[in-house]
Protein backbone atom coordinates (compact mmCIF):
# COMPACT_ATOMS: atom_id res chain seq x y z
CA UNK A 1 102.08 150.42 146.80
CA UNK A 2 102.75 146.91 147.99
CA UNK A 3 99.46 145.39 149.11
CA UNK A 4 98.59 142.14 150.85
CA UNK A 5 95.12 140.70 150.23
CA UNK A 6 93.33 139.28 153.27
CA UNK A 7 89.91 137.70 153.53
CA UNK A 8 87.90 134.57 154.30
CA UNK A 9 89.05 131.26 152.86
CA UNK A 10 88.10 128.26 154.95
CA UNK A 11 84.46 127.31 154.66
CA UNK A 12 84.10 128.99 151.26
CA UNK A 13 83.79 127.17 147.90
CA UNK A 14 87.28 126.56 146.48
CA UNK A 15 88.59 128.49 149.50
CA UNK A 16 87.35 131.76 147.98
CA UNK A 17 90.33 131.83 145.60
CA UNK A 18 88.22 133.44 142.85
CA UNK A 19 87.66 136.51 145.02
CA UNK A 20 91.39 136.77 145.71
CA UNK A 21 92.15 136.40 141.99
CA UNK A 22 89.69 139.15 141.06
CA UNK A 23 91.12 141.49 143.68
CA UNK A 24 94.71 140.81 142.60
CA UNK A 25 93.84 141.42 138.95
CA UNK A 26 92.14 144.75 139.65
CA UNK A 27 94.80 145.99 142.05
CA UNK A 28 97.56 145.20 139.54
CA UNK A 29 95.66 147.12 136.88
CA UNK A 30 95.94 150.09 139.22
CA UNK A 31 99.73 149.64 139.37
CA UNK A 32 100.09 148.02 142.79
CA UNK A 33 102.43 145.17 143.73
CA UNK A 34 100.17 142.48 145.14
CA UNK A 35 100.77 139.61 147.54
CA UNK A 36 97.88 137.16 147.31
CA UNK A 37 97.77 134.18 149.68
CA UNK A 38 95.73 132.29 147.08
CA UNK A 39 98.53 132.65 144.54
CA UNK A 40 101.14 131.72 147.13
CA UNK A 41 99.12 128.63 148.09
CA UNK A 42 99.02 127.54 144.45
CA UNK A 43 102.76 128.16 144.13
CA UNK A 44 103.22 125.82 147.12
CA UNK A 45 101.35 123.11 145.21
CA UNK A 46 97.87 123.56 146.70
CA UNK A 47 94.92 123.00 144.33
CA UNK A 48 91.75 124.69 145.55
CA UNK A 49 89.57 122.33 143.52
CA UNK A 50 90.72 119.03 144.97
CA UNK A 51 93.02 119.59 147.96
CA UNK A 52 92.06 119.95 151.61
CA UNK A 53 93.88 122.49 153.75
CA UNK A 54 95.27 120.56 156.70
CA UNK A 55 96.03 122.33 159.95
CA UNK A 56 99.74 121.86 159.26
CA UNK A 57 99.38 123.51 155.85
CA UNK A 58 97.34 126.37 157.31
CA UNK A 59 99.96 127.09 159.98
CA UNK A 60 102.80 127.03 157.45
CA UNK A 61 100.82 129.28 155.11
CA UNK A 62 100.15 131.73 157.94
CA UNK A 63 103.88 131.99 158.72
CA UNK A 64 104.52 132.69 155.04
CA UNK A 65 101.69 135.21 154.84
CA UNK A 66 102.84 137.16 157.90
CA UNK A 67 106.30 137.38 156.33
CA UNK A 68 104.68 138.83 153.21
CA UNK A 69 102.86 141.45 155.30
CA UNK A 70 106.26 142.62 156.57
CA UNK A 71 107.03 143.72 152.99
CA UNK A 72 103.75 145.58 152.41
CA UNK A 73 102.41 149.10 152.84
CA UNK A 74 98.85 147.99 153.58
CA UNK A 75 96.53 145.01 154.01
CA UNK A 76 93.41 145.16 151.84
CA UNK A 77 90.37 143.36 153.20
CA UNK A 78 87.95 141.36 151.07
CA UNK A 79 84.21 141.24 151.84
CA UNK A 80 83.47 138.88 154.70
CA UNK A 81 86.78 139.55 156.43
CA UNK A 82 84.98 140.17 159.73
CA UNK A 83 84.19 136.44 160.11
CA UNK A 84 87.70 135.22 159.29
CA UNK A 85 89.95 134.21 162.20
CA UNK A 86 92.98 134.18 159.91
CA UNK A 87 92.28 137.71 158.73
CA UNK A 88 91.92 138.89 162.33
CA UNK A 89 95.37 137.47 163.06
CA UNK A 90 96.81 139.20 159.97
CA UNK A 91 95.25 142.55 160.93
CA UNK A 92 96.63 142.27 164.46
CA UNK A 93 100.08 141.39 163.13
CA UNK A 94 99.96 144.27 160.67
CA UNK A 95 99.02 146.68 163.46
CA UNK A 96 102.04 145.53 165.46
CA UNK A 97 104.46 146.10 162.57
CA UNK A 98 102.91 149.37 161.37
CA UNK A 99 100.98 148.05 158.34
CA UNK A 100 97.50 149.54 158.09
CA UNK A 101 94.39 147.62 157.04
CA UNK A 102 91.79 149.00 154.64
CA UNK A 103 88.63 147.56 153.11
CA UNK A 104 89.26 146.91 149.45
CA UNK A 105 86.43 149.13 148.20
CA UNK A 106 88.24 152.09 149.74
CA UNK A 107 91.35 151.59 147.58
CA UNK A 108 91.45 154.52 145.17
CA UNK A 109 90.12 153.54 141.73
CA UNK A 110 89.34 149.96 142.71
CA UNK A 111 85.66 149.98 141.79
CA UNK A 112 86.47 151.41 138.37
CA UNK A 113 89.27 148.94 137.55
CA UNK A 114 86.93 146.50 135.83
CA UNK A 115 86.68 142.74 135.99
CA UNK A 116 84.25 140.49 134.10
CA UNK A 117 81.87 138.86 136.60
CA UNK A 118 78.29 137.55 136.34
CA UNK A 119 77.08 140.59 138.30
CA UNK A 120 79.03 143.06 136.17
CA UNK A 121 79.00 141.99 132.51
CA UNK A 122 81.54 143.37 130.10
CA UNK A 123 80.59 145.41 127.06
CA UNK A 124 79.15 143.21 124.34
CA UNK A 125 79.83 142.80 120.63
CA UNK A 126 76.78 142.14 118.51
CA UNK A 127 77.48 140.35 115.23
CA UNK A 128 75.51 140.56 111.99
CA UNK A 129 74.09 137.13 112.74
CA UNK A 130 72.47 138.47 115.90
CA UNK A 131 74.88 136.58 118.15
CA UNK A 132 76.49 138.52 120.99
CA UNK A 133 79.77 137.98 122.81
CA UNK A 134 81.64 139.83 125.53
CA UNK A 135 84.39 142.19 124.40
CA UNK A 136 86.69 141.25 127.26
CA UNK A 137 89.36 140.11 124.77
CA UNK A 138 89.57 143.53 123.11
CA UNK A 139 92.73 144.40 125.02
CA UNK A 140 94.68 141.41 123.72
CA UNK A 141 95.59 140.09 120.27
CA UNK A 142 96.64 136.48 120.66
CA UNK A 143 96.17 135.93 116.92
CA UNK A 144 99.14 138.21 116.22
CA UNK A 145 101.63 136.00 118.12
CA UNK A 146 103.97 134.20 115.76
CA UNK A 147 103.22 130.45 115.58
CA UNK A 148 106.93 129.91 114.90
CA UNK A 149 107.88 131.65 118.12
CA UNK A 150 105.22 129.78 120.07
CA UNK A 151 106.40 126.44 118.66
CA UNK A 152 110.00 127.11 119.65
CA UNK A 153 108.91 128.33 123.07
CA UNK A 154 106.84 125.16 123.54
CA UNK A 155 109.84 123.04 122.54
CA UNK A 156 111.92 124.84 125.16
CA UNK A 157 109.19 124.21 127.75
CA UNK A 158 109.24 120.53 126.87
CA UNK A 159 113.03 120.42 127.20
CA UNK A 160 112.82 121.99 130.65
CA UNK A 161 110.02 119.64 131.73
CA UNK A 162 112.14 116.59 130.82
CA UNK A 163 115.09 117.96 132.81
CA UNK A 164 113.34 119.35 135.87
CA UNK A 165 109.72 118.15 135.82
CA UNK A 166 106.46 119.80 134.81
CA UNK A 167 105.80 123.17 136.49
CA UNK A 168 109.04 123.04 138.46
CA UNK A 169 109.64 126.71 137.67
CA UNK A 170 106.24 127.71 139.11
CA UNK A 171 107.59 126.96 142.58
CA UNK A 172 109.32 130.31 142.18
CA UNK A 173 112.67 131.56 140.94
CA UNK A 174 114.15 134.99 141.75
CA UNK A 175 113.52 137.24 138.76
CA UNK A 176 117.07 138.59 138.92
CA UNK A 177 118.41 135.06 138.45
CA UNK A 178 115.97 134.40 135.60
CA UNK A 179 117.01 137.63 133.86
CA UNK A 180 120.68 136.72 134.23
CA UNK A 181 120.01 133.58 132.17
CA UNK A 182 117.98 135.60 129.63
CA UNK A 183 120.91 137.98 129.10
CA UNK A 184 123.36 135.07 128.86
CA UNK A 185 121.32 133.45 126.07
CA UNK A 186 121.05 136.78 124.22
CA UNK A 187 124.80 137.33 124.28
CA UNK A 188 125.56 133.77 123.21
CA UNK A 189 123.21 134.23 120.25
CA UNK A 190 124.83 137.56 119.34
CA UNK A 191 128.25 135.87 119.52
CA UNK A 192 127.16 133.40 116.87
CA UNK A 193 126.56 130.35 119.07
CA UNK A 194 123.86 128.13 117.54
CA UNK A 195 124.46 125.06 119.71
CA UNK A 196 120.98 125.48 121.20
CA UNK A 197 117.94 127.70 120.62
CA UNK A 198 119.17 130.69 122.60
CA UNK A 199 116.36 132.97 121.42
CA UNK A 200 113.69 130.55 122.62
CA UNK A 201 115.47 130.11 125.95
CA UNK A 202 115.64 133.90 126.35
CA UNK A 203 111.94 134.17 125.47
CA UNK A 204 111.08 131.49 128.02
CA UNK A 205 112.93 133.45 130.68
CA UNK A 206 111.02 136.63 129.88
CA UNK A 207 107.69 134.76 130.02
CA UNK A 208 108.71 133.29 133.39
CA UNK A 209 109.74 136.74 134.68
CA UNK A 210 106.36 138.19 133.68
CA UNK A 211 104.62 135.31 135.46
CA UNK A 212 106.62 135.90 138.65
CA UNK A 213 105.98 139.65 138.47
CA UNK A 214 102.20 139.16 138.42
CA UNK A 215 101.72 135.98 140.42
CA UNK A 216 104.73 135.85 142.77
CA UNK A 217 105.90 139.42 143.43
CA UNK A 218 108.04 138.20 146.31
CA UNK A 219 110.37 136.86 143.60
CA UNK A 220 111.15 140.50 142.68
CA UNK A 221 112.95 141.06 145.98
CA UNK A 222 116.54 142.10 145.48
CA UNK A 223 115.95 143.95 142.21
CA UNK A 224 116.79 147.62 142.01
CA UNK A 225 113.96 150.08 142.58
CA UNK A 226 113.30 152.75 139.95
CA UNK A 227 115.47 155.81 140.49
């Protein structure tokens, strides 16, 4: 399902982005496409740690968020939603366009999805020394990533930053367009072209596509659906 996360922001520390991030992470683990206003705010250049949401920014963000609701099957509500004027507006808009609202704890499987928080510690590893550490990295193996590949990817990132500026790509690029460039670099490499590091450029594109898929699902619009 395509889900939009709604909940309180203004008046909360760091605009409650951590709660939105936790919800997005758990919902994606369950296989949902997620639209998170916190992620969309960051993509628009907003930093929850040091920026102040002006009324102009809030109004523009609301227009963007309502457009995201148009694409969704349901609005999921974070705790505290009852006191949020913005959430009330989103619920009312969803009702008008046929998008239901549901409290997030009622999403099937949500409470079992898992997320490391102070109130819900992860399983722990205990070492021979007596030291303990959370096992929340058990599902990843960063140490198996090739340092050669990472170096070449980092060089490609630096090349792009010089051309277009740091984090330019995080403003959002349609995944279909990104994948077109990935395929182009693959075919140039297969054709024997070594005028630039085509493999690293293709890898960069795949990393960017994965980022968009998780953080900016609206960039998937226009791609073919399965089947």
